[in-house]
């Protein structure tokens, strides 16, 4: 597994994908990140082979009454990165919780 620079944005996108959010808008809603952050992260993760993407089936989009969407999925490597991201985010949450308890 190659090292991926695990920024907060990257960690959030990886965890969102691991939780089943498959397209950019869902990822933006789940993470609170803007499209100008989410799509570059997805592109970088795809280049690093942590994520794959494909256009959804046209019939599925037609039935939903919308244009086709690009859907993303974690690769096995991406799943490992997502697990690391989850641990990192939990650690950050615990640290922040401890700071709040200390009044700072």
C-alpha atoms as a PDB file:
ATOM      1  CA  UNK A   1       0.000   0.000   0.000  1.00  0.00           C
ATOM      2  CA  UNK A   2       1.541   3.289  -1.084  1.00  0.00           C
ATOM      3  CA  UNK A   3       1.415   6.152   1.380  1.00  0.00           C
ATOM      4  CA  UNK A   4      -1.401   8.596   0.702  1.00  0.00           C
ATOM      5  CA  UNK A   5      -1.129  12.066   2.155  1.00  0.00           C
ATOM      6  CA  UNK A   6      -3.950  11.823   4.648  1.00  0.00           C
ATOM      7  CA  UNK A   7      -5.203  15.382   4.980  1.00  0.00           C
ATOM      8  CA  UNK A   8      -8.414  16.025   6.894  1.00  0.00           C
ATOM      9  CA  UNK A   9     -10.297  16.386   3.597  1.00  0.00           C
ATOM     10  CA  UNK A  10      -8.854  13.132   2.258  1.00  0.00           C
ATOM     11  CA  UNK A  11      -9.725  11.323   5.479  1.00  0.00           C
ATOM     12  CA  UNK A  12     -13.301  12.612   5.367  1.00  0.00           C
ATOM     13  CA  UNK A  13     -13.749  11.565   1.722  1.00  0.00           C
ATOM     14  CA  UNK A  14     -12.333   8.091   2.397  1.00  0.00           C
ATOM     15  CA  UNK A  15     -14.624   7.556   5.379  1.00  0.00           C
ATOM     16  CA  UNK A  16     -17.641   8.814   3.417  1.00  0.00           C
ATOM     17  CA  UNK A  17     -16.855   6.313   0.647  1.00  0.00           C
ATOM     18  CA  UNK A  18     -16.423   3.539   3.218  1.00  0.00           C
ATOM     19  CA  UNK A  19     -19.881   4.386   4.574  1.00  0.00           C
ATOM     20  CA  UNK A  20     -21.417   3.902   1.135  1.00  0.00           C
ATOM     21  CA  UNK A  21     -21.615   7.418  -0.277  1.00  0.00           C
ATOM     22  CA  UNK A  22     -20.965   6.780  -3.955  1.00  0.00           C
ATOM     23  CA  UNK A  23     -21.105  10.038  -5.866  1.00  0.00           C
ATOM     24  CA  UNK A  24     -19.687  13.513  -5.399  1.00  0.00           C
ATOM     25  CA  UNK A  25     -22.829  15.241  -4.162  1.00  0.00           C
ATOM     26  CA  UNK A  26     -23.443  12.557  -1.527  1.00  0.00           C
ATOM     27  CA  UNK A  27     -19.827  12.889  -0.408  1.00  0.00           C
ATOM     28  CA  UNK A  28     -20.171  16.684  -0.203  1.00  0.00           C
ATOM     29  CA  UNK A  29     -23.324  16.339   1.911  1.00  0.00           C
ATOM     30  CA  UNK A  30     -21.771  13.721   4.201  1.00  0.00           C
ATOM     31  CA  UNK A  31     -18.530  15.615   4.774  1.00  0.00           C
ATOM     32  CA  UNK A  32     -19.594  19.255   4.557  1.00  0.00           C
ATOM     33  CA  UNK A  33     -16.793  19.827   2.043  1.00  0.00           C
ATOM     34  CA  UNK A  34     -17.206  21.932  -1.097  1.00  0.00           C
ATOM     35  CA  UNK A  35     -17.051  20.484  -4.607  1.00  0.00           C
ATOM     36  CA  UNK A  36     -13.761  22.329  -5.133  1.00  0.00           C
ATOM     37  CA  UNK A  37     -12.310  20.160  -2.373  1.00  0.00           C
ATOM     38  CA  UNK A  38     -14.099  16.838  -2.915  1.00  0.00           C
ATOM     39  CA  UNK A  39     -13.465  16.383  -6.630  1.00  0.00           C
ATOM     40  CA  UNK A  40      -9.712  17.066  -6.502  1.00  0.00           C
ATOM     41  CA  UNK A  41      -9.421  14.614  -3.591  1.00  0.00           C
ATOM     42  CA  UNK A  42     -11.379  11.972  -5.537  1.00  0.00           C
ATOM     43  CA  UNK A  43      -9.200  12.560  -8.607  1.00  0.00           C
ATOM     44  CA  UNK A  44      -6.003  12.195  -6.549  1.00  0.00           C
ATOM     45  CA  UNK A  45      -7.311   9.035  -4.853  1.00  0.00           C
ATOM     46  CA  UNK A  46      -8.168   7.596  -8.251  1.00  0.00           C
ATOM     47  CA  UNK A  47      -4.681   8.364  -9.554  1.00  0.00           C
ATOM     48  CA  UNK A  48      -3.255   6.626  -6.479  1.00  0.00           C
ATOM     49  CA  UNK A  49      -5.541   3.627  -7.169  1.00  0.00           C
ATOM     50  CA  UNK A  50      -7.341   3.918  -3.843  1.00  0.00           C
ATOM     51  CA  UNK A  51     -10.611   4.666  -5.665  1.00  0.00           C
ATOM     52  CA  UNK A  52     -12.195   3.595  -8.937  1.00  0.00           C
ATOM     53  CA  UNK A  53     -14.923   5.446 -10.765  1.00  0.00           C
ATOM     54  CA  UNK A  54     -17.418   4.808 -13.543  1.00  0.00           C
ATOM     55  CA  UNK A  55     -20.492   6.448 -15.012  1.00  0.00           C
ATOM     56  CA  UNK A  56     -23.706   4.971 -13.706  1.00  0.00           C
ATOM     57  CA  UNK A  57     -26.054   3.199 -16.090  1.00  0.00           C
ATOM     58  CA  UNK A  58     -28.086   5.574 -18.271  1.00  0.00           C
ATOM     59  CA  UNK A  59     -31.289   3.643 -17.553  1.00  0.00           C
ATOM     60  CA  UNK A  60     -30.799   4.116 -13.807  1.00  0.00           C
ATOM     61  CA  UNK A  61     -30.371   7.858 -14.287  1.00  0.00           C
ATOM     62  CA  UNK A  62     -33.392   8.044 -16.611  1.00  0.00           C
ATOM     63  CA  UNK A  63     -35.578   6.224 -14.084  1.00  0.00           C
ATOM     64  CA  UNK A  64     -34.504   8.718 -11.416  1.00  0.00           C
ATOM     65  CA  UNK A  65     -35.167  11.614 -13.824  1.00  0.00           C
ATOM     66  CA  UNK A  66     -31.658  13.074 -13.723  1.00  0.00           C
ATOM     67  CA  UNK A  67     -28.371  13.068 -15.646  1.00  0.00           C
ATOM     68  CA  UNK A  68     -25.930  10.207 -15.148  1.00  0.00           C
ATOM     69  CA  UNK A  69     -23.558  10.553 -12.212  1.00  0.00           C
ATOM     70  CA  UNK A  70     -20.011   9.422 -11.799  1.00  0.00           C
ATOM     71  CA  UNK A  71     -19.893   6.886  -8.981  1.00  0.00           C
ATOM     72  CA  UNK A  72     -16.853   6.077  -6.886  1.00  0.00           C
ATOM     73  CA  UNK A  73     -15.806   2.973  -4.981  1.00  0.00           C
ATOM     74  CA  UNK A  74     -12.900   2.100  -2.744  1.00  0.00           C
ATOM     75  CA  UNK A  75     -10.373  -0.431  -3.987  1.00  0.00           C
ATOM     76  CA  UNK A  76      -8.908  -2.908  -1.486  1.00  0.00           C
ATOM     77  CA  UNK A  77      -6.053  -0.441  -0.982  1.00  0.00           C
ATOM     78  CA  UNK A  78      -8.572   2.348  -0.522  1.00  0.00           C
ATOM     79  CA  UNK A  79     -10.371   0.312   2.136  1.00  0.00           C
ATOM     80  CA  UNK A  80      -7.112   0.071   4.079  1.00  0.00           C
ATOM     81  CA  UNK A  81      -6.591   3.811   3.729  1.00  0.00           C
ATOM     82  CA  UNK A  82     -10.183   4.409   4.872  1.00  0.00           C
ATOM     83  CA  UNK A  83      -9.576   2.343   8.012  1.00  0.00           C
ATOM     84  CA  UNK A  84      -6.463   4.433   8.728  1.00  0.00           C
ATOM     85  CA  UNK A  85      -8.460   7.615   8.054  1.00  0.00           C
ATOM     86  CA  UNK A  86     -11.206   6.512  10.449  1.00  0.00           C
ATOM     87  CA  UNK A  87      -8.645   5.886  13.220  1.00  0.00           C
ATOM     88  CA  UNK A  88      -7.107   9.281  12.577  1.00  0.00           C
ATOM     89  CA  UNK A  89     -10.461  11.091  12.694  1.00  0.00           C
ATOM     90  CA  UNK A  90     -11.459   9.272  15.894  1.00  0.00           C
ATOM     91  CA  UNK A  91      -8.135  10.296  17.429  1.00  0.00           C
ATOM     92  CA  UNK A  92      -8.710  13.912  16.420  1.00  0.00           C
ATOM     93  CA  UNK A  93     -12.245  13.828  17.847  1.00  0.00           C
ATOM     94  CA  UNK A  94     -10.935  12.400  21.124  1.00  0.00           C
ATOM     95  CA  UNK A  95      -8.229  15.062  21.296  1.00  0.00           C
ATOM     96  CA  UNK A  96     -10.733  17.837  20.672  1.00  0.00           C
ATOM     97  CA  UNK A  97     -13.094  16.373  23.267  1.00  0.00           C
ATOM     98  CA  UNK A  98     -10.256  16.369  25.780  1.00  0.00           C
ATOM     99  CA  UNK A  99      -9.461  19.993  24.988  1.00  0.00           C
ATOM    100  CA  UNK A 100     -13.101  20.986  25.555  1.00  0.00           C
ATOM    101  CA  UNK A 101     -13.097  19.239  28.923  1.00  0.00           C
ATOM    102  CA  UNK A 102      -9.968  21.191  29.893  1.00  0.00           C
ATOM    103  CA  UNK A 103     -11.639  24.443  28.900  1.00  0.00           C
ATOM    104  CA  UNK A 104      -9.475  25.123  25.903  1.00  0.00           C
END
